Amino acid sequence: MEPVLCYESRNGSCQKTIYPLPVRITLYMILGVIVILTVCGNFLVAVSIAFFKQLRTPTNYLIASLAVSDLLLGLLVMLPAMVQCVESCWYFGDVLCEVYLSSDVMLCTASILNLSFISLDRHYAVCQPLLYRRKISVNVVLIMILVIWSISALIGFGMIFLKLNIWGIEEFYYEHIACEGGCFVFQSRLSSTVSSVFSFYIPGIIMLGVYLKIFLVAQKQLHSIQNTSCMSSAKISNKSQTKATKTLAIIMGAFLSFWTPFFVCNTINPYIRYSTPPALFETLGWLGYFNSTVNPLIYAFFYSWFRKAFWLFTSGNIFKADISETTLFTE
């Protein structure tokens, strides 16, 4: 592979790596399939919840918000990242670069905040079932979603457009790192540590603690039901809540599994003089992005309503009158 410049006619241009044509085609095919699956899968989740009246519940509104963040990640981040990955240069201009980087930070933050509020929803549903409908109403969830996206936009666009990521190392960045044709988030020690702690580690630890408590309470409730002659409706309700909690816990676990390597690398990289190979850093980033592809597959595996909604969309039955009243599941 012969290194050349992204812009031969410009001073300070980034180096470009020219991959052999078969490698480029293979990368475009693999990454293209990932992008398409991400966009289509999350679009189906969001549209299903919006379209079918039975799915319009507080928990599902938060799931729809998570799906929208993953959908936008596929369109606004993964698509241009695919081109940059294969071409090894950014050809879309400085303004779009800042929008792209801001969207990246914003949507990743939105994903983990959505998961944080979903864990709160599950906490009330399992640990305080009698207070759940009063505490977690549709209006409360809509306020949660507004808070999630407001904070995410503030962090994402604020950090990039205000240059907070290079605060204190501006001279080093512009003299040794910045170049024409490059578009990536470069962070100082302070920026990488603070952003990783508040965007990933603290929420992740809180979610793990919440789900651990939910699991213990759910086990206690299950034993109580088994040891008493409770009504069958109570058993069914408990089983439904347990299944929903397990599914969402798996979604959270997948998120942590896919994103932990990137955030660990992002945290330690400034402390080892940015010696992490760019290819490894980019690969870990794509591993994190792949989490947005996996989420709809988890829904498809665990939720019968998702599979039924998918069948209604793909078979064309969605265009029939009053199809939104269709019963997708029974409790």
Protein backbone atom coordinates (compact mmCIF):
# COMPACT_ATOMS: atom_id res chain seq x y z
CA MET A 1 0.00 0.00 0.00
CA GLU A 2 1.56 3.24 -1.16
CA PRO A 3 0.95 6.34 1.02
CA VAL A 4 0.06 9.51 -0.90
CA LEU A 5 -1.57 12.81 0.08
CA CYS A 6 -5.30 13.45 0.34
CA TYR A 7 -4.81 16.78 -1.43
CA GLU A 8 -1.69 16.84 -3.57
CA SER A 9 -2.01 20.57 -4.29
CA ARG A 10 -2.38 21.69 -0.66
CA ASN A 11 0.22 22.20 2.04
CA GLY A 12 -0.31 20.30 5.26
CA SER A 13 -2.37 17.58 3.67
CA CYS A 14 -2.96 14.28 5.46
CA GLN A 15 -1.42 11.10 4.13
CA LYS A 16 -3.74 8.82 2.22
CA THR A 17 -3.52 5.05 2.14
CA ILE A 18 -4.54 3.52 -1.18
CA TYR A 19 -5.93 0.03 -0.64
CA PRO A 20 -5.99 -2.53 -3.46
CA LEU A 21 -9.27 -2.52 -5.39
CA PRO A 22 -10.44 -5.94 -4.06
CA VAL A 23 -9.88 -4.73 -0.48
CA ARG A 24 -11.81 -1.53 -1.12
CA ILE A 25 -14.73 -3.37 -2.68
CA THR A 26 -14.80 -5.86 0.20
CA LEU A 27 -14.74 -3.10 2.80
CA TYR A 28 -17.51 -1.18 1.03
CA MET A 29 -19.64 -4.33 0.85
CA ILE A 30 -19.16 -5.33 4.50
CA LEU A 31 -19.55 -1.85 5.95
CA GLY A 32 -22.39 -1.06 3.53
CA VAL A 33 -24.36 -4.11 4.72
CA ILE A 34 -23.79 -3.05 8.34
CA VAL A 35 -25.06 0.48 7.59
CA ILE A 36 -28.14 -0.82 5.74
CA LEU A 37 -29.00 -3.28 8.53
CA THR A 38 -28.56 -0.55 11.12
CA VAL A 39 -30.79 1.95 9.33
CA CYS A 40 -33.50 -0.52 8.26
CA GLY A 41 -33.64 -2.45 11.54
CA ASN A 42 -33.91 0.62 13.76
CA PHE A 43 -36.33 2.30 11.34
CA LEU A 44 -38.60 -0.74 11.66
CA VAL A 45 -38.45 -0.62 15.47
CA ALA A 46 -39.26 3.10 15.64
CA VAL A 47 -42.02 2.96 13.01
CA SER A 48 -43.62 -0.12 14.57
CA ILE A 49 -43.88 1.57 17.95
CA ALA A 50 -45.24 4.76 16.37
CA PHE A 51 -47.72 2.95 14.11
CA PHE A 52 -49.25 0.20 16.27
CA LYS A 53 -51.37 1.52 19.12
CA GLN A 54 -50.68 -1.53 21.30
CA LEU A 55 -46.99 -0.67 21.34
CA ARG A 56 -47.45 2.91 22.57
CA THR A 57 -46.30 2.36 26.15
CA PRO A 58 -43.83 4.38 28.25
CA THR A 59 -41.14 1.70 28.01
CA ASN A 60 -41.55 1.40 24.24
CA TYR A 61 -41.33 5.18 23.79
CA LEU A 62 -37.88 4.99 25.37
CA ILE A 63 -37.03 2.03 23.12
CA ALA A 64 -38.19 4.12 20.14
CA SER A 65 -35.91 6.96 21.27
CA LEU A 66 -33.01 4.49 21.45
CA ALA A 67 -33.90 3.20 17.97
CA VAL A 68 -33.97 6.76 16.58
CA SER A 69 -30.51 7.47 18.02
CA ASP A 70 -29.21 4.25 16.42
CA LEU A 71 -30.97 5.06 13.14
CA LEU A 72 -29.43 8.54 13.00
CA LEU A 73 -26.06 7.06 13.93
CA GLY A 74 -26.31 4.84 10.86
CA LEU A 75 -27.24 7.70 8.55
CA LEU A 76 -25.23 10.64 9.89
CA VAL A 77 -22.16 8.89 11.29
CA MET A 78 -21.68 5.35 9.97
CA LEU A 79 -22.33 6.27 6.32
CA PRO A 80 -19.68 9.02 6.07
CA ALA A 81 -17.40 7.00 8.38
CA MET A 82 -17.57 4.15 5.87
CA VAL A 83 -16.34 6.42 3.07
CA GLN A 84 -13.61 7.87 5.26
CA CYS A 85 -12.54 4.39 6.39
CA VAL A 86 -12.12 3.07 2.84
CA GLU A 87 -10.76 6.24 1.24
CA SER A 88 -8.71 7.14 4.38
CA CYS A 89 -9.49 10.83 3.77
CA TRP A 90 -12.32 13.26 4.51
CA TYR A 91 -13.56 14.99 1.34
CA PHE A 92 -16.73 16.67 2.62
CA GLY A 93 -15.34 19.94 4.00
CA ASP A 94 -14.60 21.37 7.44
CA VAL A 95 -18.18 22.33 8.32
CA LEU A 96 -19.58 18.88 7.58
CA CYS A 97 -16.65 17.39 9.48
CA GLU A 98 -17.65 19.30 12.61
CA VAL A 99 -21.30 18.30 12.14
CA TYR A 100 -20.23 14.68 11.65
CA LEU A 101 -18.04 14.63 14.77
CA SER A 102 -20.70 16.43 16.83
CA SER A 103 -23.34 13.96 15.68
CA ASP A 104 -21.04 11.09 16.60
CA VAL A 105 -20.58 12.32 20.18
CA MET A 106 -24.23 13.35 20.51
CA LEU A 107 -25.73 10.07 19.29
CA CYS A 108 -23.41 7.87 21.33
CA THR A 109 -24.31 9.95 24.40
CA ALA A 110 -28.01 9.71 23.52
CA SER A 111 -27.75 5.92 23.32
CA ILE A 112 -26.33 5.50 26.81
CA LEU A 113 -28.70 8.09 28.30
CA ASN A 114 -31.64 6.28 26.72
CA LEU A 115 -30.39 3.06 28.28
CA SER A 116 -30.00 4.82 31.64
CA PHE A 117 -33.61 6.01 31.62
CA ILE A 118 -34.78 2.59 30.40
CA SER A 119 -33.10 1.04 33.45
CA LEU A 120 -34.95 3.58 35.63
CA ASP A 121 -38.22 2.59 33.96
CA ARG A 122 -37.51 -1.10 34.60
CA HIS A 123 -36.60 -0.33 38.22
CA TYR A 124 -40.04 1.13 38.90
CA ALA A 125 -41.82 -1.60 36.89
CA VAL A 126 -40.22 -4.45 38.85
CA CYS A 127 -39.28 -2.98 42.23
CA GLN A 128 -42.30 -0.68 42.70
CA PRO A 129 -45.04 -2.12 40.47
CA LEU A 130 -47.88 -0.46 42.38
CA LEU A 131 -46.37 3.00 41.81
CA TYR A 132 -45.21 2.35 38.24
CA ARG A 133 -48.21 3.68 36.30
CA ARG A 134 -48.36 6.79 38.47
CA LYS A 135 -44.62 7.51 38.45
CA ILE A 136 -43.79 6.58 34.82
CA SER A 137 -46.55 8.08 32.68
CA VAL A 138 -46.32 8.95 29.00
CA ASN A 139 -45.81 12.63 29.85
CA VAL A 140 -42.96 11.76 32.23
CA VAL A 141 -41.30 9.63 29.54
CA LEU A 142 -41.63 12.42 26.97
CA ILE A 143 -39.88 14.76 29.43
CA MET A 144 -37.15 12.12 29.87
CA ILE A 145 -36.68 11.93 26.10
CA LEU A 146 -36.49 15.73 25.86
CA VAL A 147 -33.83 15.77 28.60
CA ILE A 148 -31.88 12.96 26.90
CA TRP A 149 -31.67 14.69 23.53
CA SER A 150 -31.05 18.16 24.99
CA ILE A 151 -28.11 16.98 27.10
CA SER A 152 -26.73 14.89 24.23
CA ALA A 153 -26.90 17.78 21.76
CA LEU A 154 -25.28 20.13 24.28
CA ILE A 155 -22.40 17.71 24.92
CA GLY A 156 -21.90 16.71 21.29
CA PHE A 157 -22.08 20.06 19.55
CA GLY A 158 -20.70 22.02 22.53
CA MET A 159 -17.52 19.94 22.80
CA ILE A 160 -16.71 20.02 19.06
CA PHE A 161 -17.76 23.53 18.04
CA LEU A 162 -16.29 25.14 21.18
CA LYS A 163 -13.07 23.08 20.75
CA LEU A 164 -13.29 21.77 24.32
CA ASN A 165 -11.74 18.48 23.19
CA ILE A 166 -8.39 20.19 22.53
CA TRP A 167 -8.57 22.71 25.39
CA GLY A 168 -5.04 23.22 26.71
CA ILE A 169 -3.26 21.46 23.84
CA GLU A 170 -4.30 23.71 20.94
CA GLU A 171 -0.73 24.47 19.89
CA PHE A 172 0.29 20.82 19.87
CA TYR A 173 -2.84 19.84 17.94
CA TYR A 174 -2.52 22.42 15.16
CA GLU A 175 1.23 21.92 14.77
CA HIS A 176 1.47 18.13 14.89
CA ILE A 177 -1.98 16.56 14.42
CA ALA A 178 -4.33 18.67 12.30
CA CYS A 179 -4.06 18.24 8.54
CA GLU A 180 -6.14 18.76 5.39
CA GLY A 181 -8.32 15.73 4.69
CA GLY A 182 -8.48 14.48 8.28
CA CYS A 183 -11.65 14.34 10.39
CA PHE A 184 -11.50 12.71 13.81
CA VAL A 185 -12.00 13.60 17.47
CA PHE A 186 -8.62 14.34 19.07
CA GLN A 187 -8.81 14.78 22.84
CA SER A 188 -6.54 16.05 25.59
CA ARG A 189 -6.01 14.05 28.78
CA LEU A 190 -8.61 16.13 30.62
CA SER A 191 -11.15 15.94 27.80
CA SER A 192 -10.81 12.18 27.23
CA THR A 193 -11.01 11.41 30.95
CA VAL A 194 -13.95 13.69 31.75
CA SER A 195 -15.98 12.79 28.65
CA SER A 196 -15.42 9.06 29.12
CA VAL A 197 -16.25 9.16 32.84
CA PHE A 198 -19.47 11.14 32.43
CA SER A 199 -20.58 9.65 29.09
CA PHE A 200 -19.76 6.01 29.76
CA TYR A 201 -18.27 4.86 33.05
CA ILE A 202 -20.64 6.53 35.54
CA PRO A 203 -23.84 5.71 33.60
CA GLY A 204 -22.57 2.19 32.95
CA ILE A 205 -21.85 1.52 36.63
CA ILE A 206 -25.23 2.99 37.61
CA MET A 207 -27.05 0.79 35.08
CA LEU A 208 -25.22 -2.32 36.25
CA GLY A 209 -26.18 -1.51 39.84
CA VAL A 210 -29.81 -0.85 38.93
CA TYR A 211 -30.16 -4.06 36.94
CA LEU A 212 -28.50 -6.05 39.71
CA LYS A 213 -31.07 -4.69 42.16
CA ILE A 214 -33.87 -5.42 39.66
CA PHE A 215 -32.63 -8.99 39.27
CA LEU A 216 -32.57 -9.57 43.04
CA VAL A 217 -36.03 -8.08 43.52
CA ALA A 218 -37.43 -10.05 40.57
CA GLN A 219 -36.03 -13.28 42.03
CA LYS A 220 -37.60 -12.47 45.40
CA GLN A 221 -40.96 -11.75 43.77
CA LEU A 222 -40.78 -14.98 41.79
CA HIS A 223 -40.19 -17.02 44.94
CA SER A 224 -43.08 -15.25 46.66
CA ILE A 225 -45.42 -16.09 43.79
CA GLN A 226 -44.28 -19.70 43.69
CA ASN A 227 -44.80 -20.11 47.44
CA THR A 228 -48.32 -18.69 47.45
CA SER A 229 -51.48 -19.48 45.53
CA CYS A 230 -51.50 -16.20 43.61
CA MET A 231 -53.85 -15.50 40.80
CA SER A 232 -52.72 -16.54 37.35
CA SER A 233 -52.93 -12.93 36.13
CA ALA A 234 -50.30 -11.88 38.68
CA LYS A 235 -48.03 -14.70 37.54
CA ILE A 236 -48.45 -13.71 33.89
CA SER A 237 -47.77 -10.04 34.67
CA ASN A 238 -44.65 -10.94 36.63
CA LYS A 239 -43.43 -13.19 33.81
CA SER A 240 -44.02 -10.41 31.26
CA GLN A 241 -42.12 -7.83 33.32
CA THR A 242 -39.26 -10.28 33.94
CA LYS A 243 -38.93 -11.05 30.24
CA ALA A 244 -38.94 -7.36 29.32
CA THR A 245 -36.31 -6.64 31.97
CA LYS A 246 -34.08 -9.51 30.82
CA THR A 247 -34.31 -8.37 27.20
CA LEU A 248 -33.43 -4.77 28.04
CA ALA A 249 -30.63 -5.97 30.31
CA ILE A 250 -29.21 -7.93 27.36
CA ILE A 251 -29.43 -4.77 25.24
CA MET A 252 -27.54 -2.86 27.94
CA GLY A 253 -25.00 -5.66 28.26
CA ALA A 254 -24.43 -5.62 24.50
CA PHE A 255 -23.91 -1.86 24.63
CA LEU A 256 -21.29 -2.16 27.37
CA SER A 257 -19.55 -5.06 25.61
CA PHE A 258 -19.30 -3.26 22.27
CA TRP A 259 -18.33 0.16 23.62
CA THR A 260 -16.05 -0.68 26.57
CA PRO A 261 -12.93 -1.40 24.42
CA PHE A 262 -13.28 1.95 22.65
CA PHE A 263 -13.77 4.00 25.81
CA VAL A 264 -10.91 2.24 27.59
CA CYS A 265 -8.65 2.99 24.62
CA ASN A 266 -9.98 6.55 24.40
CA THR A 267 -9.19 7.11 28.08
CA ILE A 268 -5.63 5.77 28.13
CA ASN A 269 -4.53 6.96 24.67
CA PRO A 270 -3.52 10.51 25.76
CA TYR A 271 -1.55 9.05 28.67
CA ILE A 272 0.54 6.82 26.37
CA ARG A 273 1.40 9.73 24.05
CA TYR A 274 -1.29 8.84 21.50
CA SER A 275 0.59 5.70 20.53
CA THR A 276 -2.55 3.67 19.74
CA PRO A 277 -2.44 2.74 16.03
CA PRO A 278 -5.10 4.70 14.09
CA ALA A 279 -6.32 1.47 12.47
CA LEU A 280 -6.97 -0.08 15.91
CA PHE A 281 -8.75 3.04 17.14
CA GLU A 282 -10.94 3.06 14.02
CA THR A 283 -11.71 -0.65 14.40
CA LEU A 284 -12.79 -0.17 18.02
CA GLY A 285 -14.99 2.71 16.90
CA TRP A 286 -16.71 0.48 14.35
CA LEU A 287 -17.10 -2.22 17.02
CA GLY A 288 -19.02 0.35 19.04
CA TYR A 289 -21.11 1.38 16.04
CA PHE A 290 -21.98 -2.27 15.45
CA ASN A 291 -23.96 -2.19 18.70
CA SER A 292 -26.55 -0.08 16.88
CA THR A 293 -26.85 -2.86 14.30
CA VAL A 294 -27.29 -5.57 16.92
CA ASN A 295 -30.10 -3.94 18.95
CA PRO A 296 -32.90 -4.63 16.40
CA LEU A 297 -31.66 -8.24 16.11
CA ILE A 298 -32.10 -8.59 19.87
CA TYR A 299 -35.67 -7.29 19.54
CA ALA A 300 -36.34 -9.75 16.72
CA PHE A 301 -35.02 -12.66 18.78
CA PHE A 302 -36.84 -11.90 22.03
CA TYR A 303 -39.98 -9.98 21.01
CA SER A 304 -42.76 -11.68 19.04
CA TRP A 305 -44.36 -8.28 18.41
CA PHE A 306 -41.28 -7.19 16.49
CA ARG A 307 -41.38 -10.26 14.28
CA LYS A 308 -45.11 -9.82 13.64
CA ALA A 309 -44.68 -6.12 12.87
CA PHE A 310 -41.84 -6.99 10.48
CA TRP A 311 -44.08 -9.49 8.70
CA LEU A 312 -46.90 -6.94 8.39
CA PHE A 313 -44.53 -4.38 6.89
CA THR A 314 -42.79 -6.71 4.44
CA SER A 315 -45.99 -8.47 3.33
CA GLY A 316 -47.73 -5.22 2.42
CA ASN A 317 -50.53 -5.75 4.97
CA ILE A 318 -49.48 -2.51 6.62
CA PHE A 319 -51.47 -0.60 3.98
CA LYS A 320 -54.77 -2.18 4.99
CA ALA A 321 -57.32 -0.10 6.89
CA ASP A 322 -57.27 -0.22 10.71
CA ILE A 323 -54.10 -2.33 10.68
CA SER A 324 -52.78 -0.16 13.54
CA GLU A 325 -55.37 -1.84 15.78
CA THR A 326 -53.79 -5.26 15.18
CA THR A 327 -53.03 -7.26 18.32
CA LEU A 328 -49.31 -7.99 18.23
CA PHE A 329 -49.10 -9.81 21.54
CA THR A 330 -51.25 -10.92 24.44
CA GLU A 331 -50.40 -10.59 28.10
